[in-house]
Amino acid sequence: MSGYDRKEDEVRRMLDAPARVQVPPDLLPRAITRGTRALHRARALRRVLWVLLTAAAVAFAVWASVAEPWRVPPAEVTPPFEGW
C-alpha cells in the first residue's frame, strides 16, 4: 500500500466516523466580530495606501513642474568664439 492510499484510507475513516466535536455556542458571534474587524482593517489599509499614492503623485507633479527635468541643462562651458 502506497503512502497516498494509506492517507486516503485514513481520510475516509475520519469522514465516515461520527462527529465527536461540539461547536462552541458563541462561535458564530466571534466569527462575525473577527471577520468584521478584518474587513475594517483591510478597508483602512486600502484607504491609507490610496492616500499615500495620491500624495506621492502630487509631490512628483510639483517636483516636475519646479525642476523641469525634461529641459536640457545649460552648457557649463561656452563654445569658443571665433571670427572677431
PDB file of N, CA and C in Angstrom:
ATOM      1  N   MET A   1       0.854  -1.173   0.000  1.00  0.00           N
ATOM      2  CA  MET A   1       0.000   0.000   0.000  1.00  0.00           C
ATOM      3  C   MET A   1       0.903   1.239   0.000  1.00  0.00           C
ATOM      4  N   SER A   2       0.645   2.137  -0.921  1.00  0.00           N
ATOM      5  CA  SER A   2       1.463   3.337  -1.023  1.00  0.00           C
ATOM      6  C   SER A   2       1.034   4.359   0.033  1.00  0.00           C
ATOM      7  N   GLY A   3       1.860   5.391   0.162  1.00  0.00           N
ATOM      8  CA  GLY A   3       1.548   6.442   1.134  1.00  0.00           C
ATOM      9  C   GLY A   3       0.268   7.176   0.804  1.00  0.00           C
ATOM     10  N   TYR A   4       0.026   7.352  -0.492  1.00  0.00           N
ATOM     11  CA  TYR A   4      -1.188   8.038  -0.911  1.00  0.00           C
ATOM     12  C   TYR A   4      -2.423   7.230  -0.541  1.00  0.00           C
ATOM     13  N   ASP A   5      -2.375   5.919  -0.790  1.00  0.00           N
ATOM     14  CA  ASP A   5      -3.508   5.053  -0.455  1.00  0.00           C
ATOM     15  C   ASP A   5      -3.751   5.028   1.043  1.00  0.00           C
ATOM     16  N   ARG A   6      -2.678   5.012   1.803  1.00  0.00           N
ATOM     17  CA  ARG A   6      -2.804   4.993   3.258  1.00  0.00           C
ATOM     18  C   ARG A   6      -3.475   6.281   3.748  1.00  0.00           C
ATOM     19  N   LYS A   7      -3.049   7.415   3.190  1.00  0.00           N
ATOM     20  CA  LYS A   7      -3.650   8.691   3.588  1.00  0.00           C
ATOM     21  C   LYS A   7      -5.118   8.764   3.168  1.00  0.00           C
ATOM     22  N   GLU A   8      -5.405   8.260   1.980  1.00  0.00           N
ATOM     23  CA  GLU A   8      -6.781   8.273   1.509  1.00  0.00           C
ATOM     24  C   GLU A   8      -7.673   7.410   2.396  1.00  0.00           C
ATOM     25  N   ASP A   9      -7.178   6.245   2.800  1.00  0.00           N
ATOM     26  CA  ASP A   9      -7.943   5.383   3.699  1.00  0.00           C
ATOM     27  C   ASP A   9      -8.162   6.054   5.046  1.00  0.00           C
ATOM     28  N   GLU A  10      -7.151   6.722   5.530  1.00  0.00           N
ATOM     29  CA  GLU A  10      -7.277   7.403   6.828  1.00  0.00           C
ATOM     30  C   GLU A  10      -8.316   8.519   6.748  1.00  0.00           C
ATOM     31  N   VAL A  11      -8.305   9.274   5.662  1.00  0.00           N
ATOM     32  CA  VAL A  11      -9.282  10.350   5.491  1.00  0.00           C
ATOM     33  C   VAL A  11     -10.686   9.777   5.374  1.00  0.00           C
ATOM     34  N   ARG A  12     -10.837   8.686   4.641  1.00  0.00           N
ATOM     35  CA  ARG A  12     -12.161   8.066   4.511  1.00  0.00           C
ATOM     36  C   ARG A  12     -12.676   7.591   5.867  1.00  0.00           C
ATOM     37  N   ARG A  13     -11.799   6.998   6.681  1.00  0.00           N
ATOM     38  CA  ARG A  13     -12.214   6.557   8.024  1.00  0.00           C
ATOM     39  C   ARG A  13     -12.633   7.739   8.877  1.00  0.00           C
ATOM     40  N   MET A  14     -11.882   8.847   8.768  1.00  0.00           N
ATOM     41  CA  MET A  14     -12.237  10.032   9.552  1.00  0.00           C
ATOM     42  C   MET A  14     -13.576  10.600   9.118  1.00  0.00           C
ATOM     43  N   LEU A  15     -13.842  10.607   7.824  1.00  0.00           N
ATOM     44  CA  LEU A  15     -15.104  11.151   7.334  1.00  0.00           C
ATOM     45  C   LEU A  15     -16.286  10.240   7.629  1.00  0.00           C
ATOM     46  N   ASP A  16     -16.053   8.943   7.659  1.00  0.00           N
ATOM     47  CA  ASP A  16     -17.133   8.001   7.941  1.00  0.00           C
ATOM     48  C   ASP A  16     -17.463   7.919   9.424  1.00  0.00           C
ATOM     49  N   ALA A  17     -16.529   8.297  10.273  1.00  0.00           N
ATOM     50  CA  ALA A  17     -16.753   8.220  11.721  1.00  0.00           C
ATOM     51  C   ALA A  17     -17.758   9.289  12.139  1.00  0.00           C
ATOM     52  N   PRO A  18     -18.522   9.039  13.186  1.00  0.00           N
ATOM     53  CA  PRO A  18     -19.467  10.060  13.656  1.00  0.00           C
ATOM     54  C   PRO A  18     -18.718  11.268  14.216  1.00  0.00           C
ATOM     55  N   ALA A  19     -19.315  12.424  14.038  1.00  0.00           N
ATOM     56  CA  ALA A  19     -18.685  13.659  14.516  1.00  0.00           C
ATOM     57  C   ALA A  19     -18.694  13.693  16.035  1.00  0.00           C
ATOM     58  N   ARG A  20     -17.530  13.895  16.610  1.00  0.00           N
ATOM     59  CA  ARG A  20     -17.416  13.945  18.066  1.00  0.00           C
ATOM     60  C   ARG A  20     -17.140  15.352  18.586  1.00  0.00           C
ATOM     61  N   VAL A  21     -16.918  16.270  17.690  1.00  0.00           N
ATOM     62  CA  VAL A  21     -16.553  17.623  18.089  1.00  0.00           C
ATOM     63  C   VAL A  21     -17.811  18.466  18.203  1.00  0.00           C
ATOM     64  N   GLN A  22     -17.944  19.107  19.341  1.00  0.00           N
ATOM     65  CA  GLN A  22     -19.062  20.032  19.516  1.00  0.00           C
ATOM     66  C   GLN A  22     -18.574  21.440  19.208  1.00  0.00           C
ATOM     67  N   VAL A  23     -19.415  22.170  18.523  1.00  0.00           N
ATOM     68  CA  VAL A  23     -19.086  23.541  18.175  1.00  0.00           C
ATOM     69  C   VAL A  23     -19.482  24.429  19.350  1.00  0.00           C
ATOM     70  N   PRO A  24     -18.579  25.321  19.766  1.00  0.00           N
ATOM     71  CA  PRO A  24     -18.933  26.231  20.866  1.00  0.00           C
ATOM     72  C   PRO A  24     -20.144  27.087  20.489  1.00  0.00           C
ATOM     73  N   PRO A  25     -21.010  27.359  21.444  1.00  0.00           N
ATOM     74  CA  PRO A  25     -22.226  28.117  21.120  1.00  0.00           C
ATOM     75  C   PRO A  25     -21.949  29.558  20.694  1.00  0.00           C
ATOM     76  N   ASP A  26     -20.826  30.129  21.135  1.00  0.00           N
ATOM     77  CA  ASP A  26     -20.541  31.521  20.773  1.00  0.00           C
ATOM     78  C   ASP A  26     -19.629  31.631  19.549  1.00  0.00           C
ATOM     79  N   LEU A  27     -19.507  30.572  18.778  1.00  0.00           N
ATOM     80  CA  LEU A  27     -18.608  30.576  17.621  1.00  0.00           C
ATOM     81  C   LEU A  27     -19.064  31.560  16.551  1.00  0.00           C
ATOM     82  N   LEU A  28     -20.342  31.585  16.236  1.00  0.00           N
ATOM     83  CA  LEU A  28     -20.848  32.469  15.185  1.00  0.00           C
ATOM     84  C   LEU A  28     -20.642  33.947  15.529  1.00  0.00           C
ATOM     85  N   PRO A  29     -21.029  34.412  16.717  1.00  0.00           N
ATOM     86  CA  PRO A  29     -20.782  35.837  17.011  1.00  0.00           C
ATOM     87  C   PRO A  29     -19.293  36.186  16.998  1.00  0.00           C
ATOM     88  N   ARG A  30     -18.447  35.267  17.490  1.00  0.00           N
ATOM     89  CA  ARG A  30     -16.997  35.536  17.478  1.00  0.00           C
ATOM     90  C   ARG A  30     -16.476  35.610  16.057  1.00  0.00           C
ATOM     91  N   ALA A  31     -16.962  34.722  15.197  1.00  0.00           N
ATOM     92  CA  ALA A  31     -16.518  34.725  13.803  1.00  0.00           C
ATOM     93  C   ALA A  31     -16.968  35.994  13.084  1.00  0.00           C
ATOM     94  N   ILE A  32     -18.192  36.411  13.352  1.00  0.00           N
ATOM     95  CA  ILE A  32     -18.701  37.638  12.731  1.00  0.00           C
ATOM     96  C   ILE A  32     -17.895  38.841  13.197  1.00  0.00           C
ATOM     97  N   THR A  33     -17.607  38.906  14.491  1.00  0.00           N
ATOM     98  CA  THR A  33     -16.825  40.016  15.028  1.00  0.00           C
ATOM     99  C   THR A  33     -15.433  40.039  14.428  1.00  0.00           C
ATOM    100  N   ARG A  34     -14.807  38.885  14.374  1.00  0.00           N
ATOM    101  CA  ARG A  34     -13.452  38.802  13.839  1.00  0.00           C
ATOM    102  C   ARG A  34     -13.429  39.155  12.350  1.00  0.00           C
ATOM    103  N   GLY A  35     -14.413  38.668  11.584  1.00  0.00           N
ATOM    104  CA  GLY A  35     -14.472  38.980  10.160  1.00  0.00           C
ATOM    105  C   GLY A  35     -14.732  40.451   9.908  1.00  0.00           C
ATOM    106  N   THR A  36     -15.615  41.042  10.706  1.00  0.00           N
ATOM    107  CA  THR A  36     -15.905  42.467  10.570  1.00  0.00           C
ATOM    108  C   THR A  36     -14.660  43.291  10.865  1.00  0.00           C
ATOM    109  N   ARG A  37     -13.944  42.904  11.907  1.00  0.00           N
ATOM    110  CA  ARG A  37     -12.711  43.601  12.267  1.00  0.00           C
ATOM    111  C   ARG A  37     -11.681  43.488  11.148  1.00  0.00           C
ATOM    112  N   ALA A  38     -11.563  42.318  10.553  1.00  0.00           N
ATOM    113  CA  ALA A  38     -10.613  42.127   9.459  1.00  0.00           C
ATOM    114  C   ALA A  38     -11.000  42.972   8.244  1.00  0.00           C
ATOM    115  N   LEU A  39     -12.292  43.049   7.956  1.00  0.00           N
ATOM    116  CA  LEU A  39     -12.739  43.876   6.834  1.00  0.00           C
ATOM    117  C   LEU A  39     -12.451  45.353   7.081  1.00  0.00           C
ATOM    118  N   HIS A  40     -12.677  45.812   8.307  1.00  0.00           N
ATOM    119  CA  HIS A  40     -12.407  47.215   8.635  1.00  0.00           C
ATOM    120  C   HIS A  40     -10.913  47.516   8.508  1.00  0.00           C
ATOM    121  N   ARG A  41     -10.080  46.608   8.979  1.00  0.00           N
ATOM    122  CA  ARG A  41      -8.631  46.815   8.860  1.00  0.00           C
ATOM    123  C   ARG A  41      -8.199  46.855   7.409  1.00  0.00           C
ATOM    124  N   ALA A  42      -8.719  45.945   6.608  1.00  0.00           N
ATOM    125  CA  ALA A  42      -8.352  45.913   5.191  1.00  0.00           C
ATOM    126  C   ALA A  42      -8.802  47.189   4.492  1.00  0.00           C
ATOM    127  N   ARG A  43      -9.996  47.640   4.808  1.00  0.00           N
ATOM    128  CA  ARG A  43     -10.507  48.868   4.202  1.00  0.00           C
ATOM    129  C   ARG A  43      -9.677  50.075   4.624  1.00  0.00           C
ATOM    130  N   ALA A  44      -9.305  50.147   5.897  1.00  0.00           N
ATOM    131  CA  ALA A  44      -8.479  51.257   6.379  1.00  0.00           C
ATOM    132  C   ALA A  44      -7.101  51.228   5.720  1.00  0.00           C
ATOM    133  N   LEU A  45      -6.518  50.044   5.599  1.00  0.00           N
ATOM    134  CA  LEU A  45      -5.212  49.924   4.952  1.00  0.00           C
ATOM    135  C   LEU A  45      -5.292  50.357   3.494  1.00  0.00           C
ATOM    136  N   ARG A  46      -6.348  49.949   2.809  1.00  0.00           N
ATOM    137  CA  ARG A  46      -6.528  50.342   1.418  1.00  0.00           C
ATOM    138  C   ARG A  46      -6.654  51.858   1.285  1.00  0.00           C
ATOM    139  N   ARG A  47      -7.387  52.475   2.194  1.00  0.00           N
ATOM    140  CA  ARG A  47      -7.539  53.943   2.154  1.00  0.00           C
ATOM    141  C   ARG A  47      -6.210  54.633   2.393  1.00  0.00           C
ATOM    142  N   VAL A  48      -5.447  54.146   3.363  1.00  0.00           N
ATOM    143  CA  VAL A  48      -4.135  54.742   3.651  1.00  0.00           C
ATOM    144  C   VAL A  48      -3.219  54.613   2.439  1.00  0.00           C
ATOM    145  N   LEU A  49      -3.228  53.466   1.794  1.00  0.00           N
ATOM    146  CA  LEU A  49      -2.384  53.279   0.620  1.00  0.00           C
ATOM    147  C   LEU A  49      -2.804  54.201  -0.525  1.00  0.00           C
ATOM    148  N   TRP A  50      -4.100  54.403  -0.720  1.00  0.00           N
ATOM    149  CA  TRP A  50      -4.556  55.325  -1.756  1.00  0.00           C
ATOM    150  C   TRP A  50      -4.141  56.755  -1.443  1.00  0.00           C
ATOM    151  N   VAL A  51      -4.244  57.136  -0.161  1.00  0.00           N
ATOM    152  CA  VAL A  51      -3.831  58.494   0.226  1.00  0.00           C
ATOM    153  C   VAL A  51      -2.338  58.669  -0.023  1.00  0.00           C
ATOM    154  N   LEU A  52      -1.524  57.672   0.344  1.00  0.00           N
ATOM    155  CA  LEU A  52      -0.083  57.764   0.107  1.00  0.00           C
ATOM    156  C   LEU A  52       0.234  57.824  -1.386  1.00  0.00           C
ATOM    157  N   LEU A  53      -0.461  57.030  -2.181  1.00  0.00           N
ATOM    158  CA  LEU A  53      -0.237  57.049  -3.620  1.00  0.00           C
ATOM    159  C   LEU A  53      -0.598  58.408  -4.210  1.00  0.00           C
ATOM    160  N   THR A  54      -1.703  58.981  -3.764  1.00  0.00           N
ATOM    161  CA  THR A  54      -2.119  60.296  -4.244  1.00  0.00           C
ATOM    162  C   THR A  54      -1.119  61.364  -3.825  1.00  0.00           C
ATOM    163  N   ALA A  55      -0.652  61.297  -2.573  1.00  0.00           N
ATOM    164  CA  ALA A  55       0.337  62.265  -2.100  1.00  0.00           C
ATOM    165  C   ALA A  55       1.641  62.143  -2.889  1.00  0.00           C
ATOM    166  N   ALA A  56       2.052  60.931  -3.201  1.00  0.00           N
ATOM    167  CA  ALA A  56       3.270  60.732  -3.987  1.00  0.00           C
ATOM    168  C   ALA A  56       3.094  61.292  -5.392  1.00  0.00           C
ATOM    169  N   ALA A  57       1.933  61.095  -5.993  1.00  0.00           N
ATOM    170  CA  ALA A  57       1.682  61.621  -7.335  1.00  0.00           C
ATOM    171  C   ALA A  57       1.688  63.150  -7.333  1.00  0.00           C
ATOM    172  N   VAL A  58       1.082  63.744  -6.321  1.00  0.00           N
ATOM    173  CA  VAL A  58       1.068  65.211  -6.225  1.00  0.00           C
ATOM    174  C   VAL A  58       2.484  65.728  -6.002  1.00  0.00           C
ATOM    175  N   ALA A  59       3.242  65.075  -5.114  1.00  0.00           N
ATOM    176  CA  ALA A  59       4.622  65.503  -4.860  1.00  0.00           C
ATOM    177  C   ALA A  59       5.467  65.392  -6.123  1.00  0.00           C
ATOM    178  N   PHE A  60       5.292  64.328  -6.889  1.00  0.00           N
ATOM    179  CA  PHE A  60       6.037  64.179  -8.137  1.00  0.00           C
ATOM    180  C   PHE A  60       5.651  65.269  -9.123  1.00  0.00           C
ATOM    181  N   ALA A  61       4.364  65.563  -9.229  1.00  0.00           N
ATOM    182  CA  ALA A  61       3.918  66.596 -10.167  1.00  0.00           C
ATOM    183  C   ALA A  61       4.485  67.962  -9.777  1.00  0.00           C
ATOM    184  N   VAL A  62       4.500  68.277  -8.497  1.00  0.00           N
ATOM    185  CA  VAL A  62       5.055  69.556  -8.040  1.00  0.00           C
ATOM    186  C   VAL A  62       6.552  69.602  -8.329  1.00  0.00           C
ATOM    187  N   TRP A  63       7.264  68.522  -8.018  1.00  0.00           N
ATOM    188  CA  TRP A  63       8.701  68.486  -8.282  1.00  0.00           C
ATOM    189  C   TRP A  63       8.983  68.640  -9.766  1.00  0.00           C
ATOM    190  N   ALA A  64       8.222  67.943 -10.598  1.00  0.00           N
ATOM    191  CA  ALA A  64       8.456  68.006 -12.035  1.00  0.00           C
ATOM    192  C   ALA A  64       8.172  69.398 -12.577  1.00  0.00           C
ATOM    193  N   SER A  65       7.167  70.071 -12.036  1.00  0.00           N
ATOM    194  CA  SER A  65       6.861  71.414 -12.528  1.00  0.00           C
ATOM    195  C   SER A  65       7.914  72.422 -12.082  1.00  0.00           C
ATOM    196  N   VAL A  66       8.555  72.194 -10.948  1.00  0.00           N
ATOM    197  CA  VAL A  66       9.581  73.111 -10.461  1.00  0.00           C
ATOM    198  C   VAL A  66      10.937  72.799 -11.096  1.00  0.00           C
ATOM    199  N   ALA A  67      11.324  71.537 -11.133  1.00  0.00           N
ATOM    200  CA  ALA A  67      12.654  71.153 -11.609  1.00  0.00           C
ATOM    201  C   ALA A  67      12.731  71.084 -13.126  1.00  0.00           C
ATOM    202  N   GLU A  68      11.635  70.868 -13.795  1.00  0.00           N
ATOM    203  CA  GLU A  68      11.579  70.730 -15.243  1.00  0.00           C
ATOM    204  C   GLU A  68      12.683  69.803 -15.752  1.00  0.00           C
ATOM    205  N   PRO A  69      12.604  68.500 -15.407  1.00  0.00           N
ATOM    206  CA  PRO A  69      13.670  67.578 -15.784  1.00  0.00           C
ATOM    207  C   PRO A  69      13.710  67.271 -17.278  1.00  0.00           C
ATOM    208  N   TRP A  70      12.727  67.707 -18.042  1.00  0.00           N
ATOM    209  CA  TRP A  70      12.711  67.427 -19.469  1.00  0.00           C
ATOM    210  C   TRP A  70      13.553  68.431 -20.256  1.00  0.00           C
ATOM    211  N   ARG A  71      13.925  69.537 -19.628  1.00  0.00           N
ATOM    212  CA  ARG A  71      14.726  70.536 -20.325  1.00  0.00           C
ATOM    213  C   ARG A  71      16.196  70.141 -20.311  1.00  0.00           C
ATOM    214  N   VAL A  72      16.881  70.527 -21.346  1.00  0.00           N
ATOM    215  CA  VAL A  72      18.317  70.273 -21.434  1.00  0.00           C
ATOM    216  C   VAL A  72      19.019  71.302 -20.552  1.00  0.00           C
ATOM    217  N   PRO A  73      19.915  70.841 -19.681  1.00  0.00           N
ATOM    218  CA  PRO A  73      20.596  71.801 -18.808  1.00  0.00           C
ATOM    219  C   PRO A  73      21.503  72.715 -19.641  1.00  0.00           C
ATOM    220  N   PRO A  74      21.708  73.954 -19.180  1.00  0.00           N
ATOM    221  CA  PRO A  74      22.569  74.865 -19.933  1.00  0.00           C
ATOM    222  C   PRO A  74      24.004  74.345 -19.932  1.00  0.00           C
ATOM    223  N   ALA A  75      24.688  74.641 -21.001  1.00  0.00           N
ATOM    224  CA  ALA A  75      26.078  74.205 -21.113  1.00  0.00           C
ATOM    225  C   ALA A  75      26.918  74.952 -20.086  1.00  0.00           C
ATOM    226  N   GLU A  76      27.810  74.238 -19.454  1.00  0.00           N
ATOM    227  CA  GLU A  76      28.644  74.879 -18.434  1.00  0.00           C
ATOM    228  C   GLU A  76      29.868  75.549 -19.063  1.00  0.00           C
ATOM    229  N   VAL A  77      30.229  75.102 -20.246  1.00  0.00           N
ATOM    230  CA  VAL A  77      31.369  75.702 -20.948  1.00  0.00           C
ATOM    231  C   VAL A  77      30.836  76.335 -22.224  1.00  0.00           C
ATOM    232  N   THR A  78      31.170  77.591 -22.415  1.00  0.00           N
ATOM    233  CA  THR A  78      30.697  78.254 -23.621  1.00  0.00           C
ATOM    234  C   THR A  78      31.584  77.841 -24.793  1.00  0.00           C
ATOM    235  N   PRO A  79      31.018  77.736 -25.939  1.00  0.00           N
ATOM    236  CA  PRO A  79      31.831  77.364 -27.100  1.00  0.00           C
ATOM    237  C   PRO A  79      32.807  78.510 -27.436  1.00  0.00           C
ATOM    238  N   PRO A  80      33.889  78.125 -28.043  1.00  0.00           N
ATOM    239  CA  PRO A  80      34.850  79.195 -28.396  1.00  0.00           C
ATOM    240  C   PRO A  80      34.244  80.177 -29.403  1.00  0.00           C
ATOM    241  N   PHE A  81      34.555  81.434 -29.196  1.00  0.00           N
ATOM    242  CA  PHE A  81      34.032  82.474 -30.078  1.00  0.00           C
ATOM    243  C   PHE A  81      35.136  82.885 -31.036  1.00  0.00           C
ATOM    244  N   GLU A  82      34.942  82.528 -32.301  1.00  0.00           N
ATOM    245  CA  GLU A  82      35.952  82.840 -33.314  1.00  0.00           C
ATOM    246  C   GLU A  82      35.364  83.756 -34.367  1.00  0.00           C
ATOM    247  N   GLY A  83      36.224  84.418 -35.067  1.00  0.00           N
ATOM    248  CA  GLY A  83      35.771  85.256 -36.146  1.00  0.00           C
ATOM    249  C   GLY A  83      35.575  86.694 -35.750  1.00  0.00           C
ATOM    250  N   TRP A  84      36.256  87.165 -34.766  1.00  0.00           N
ATOM    251  CA  TRP A  84      36.162  88.563 -34.377  1.00  0.00           C
ATOM    252  C   TRP A  84      36.944  89.400 -35.265  1.00  0.00           C
TER     253      TRP A  84
END
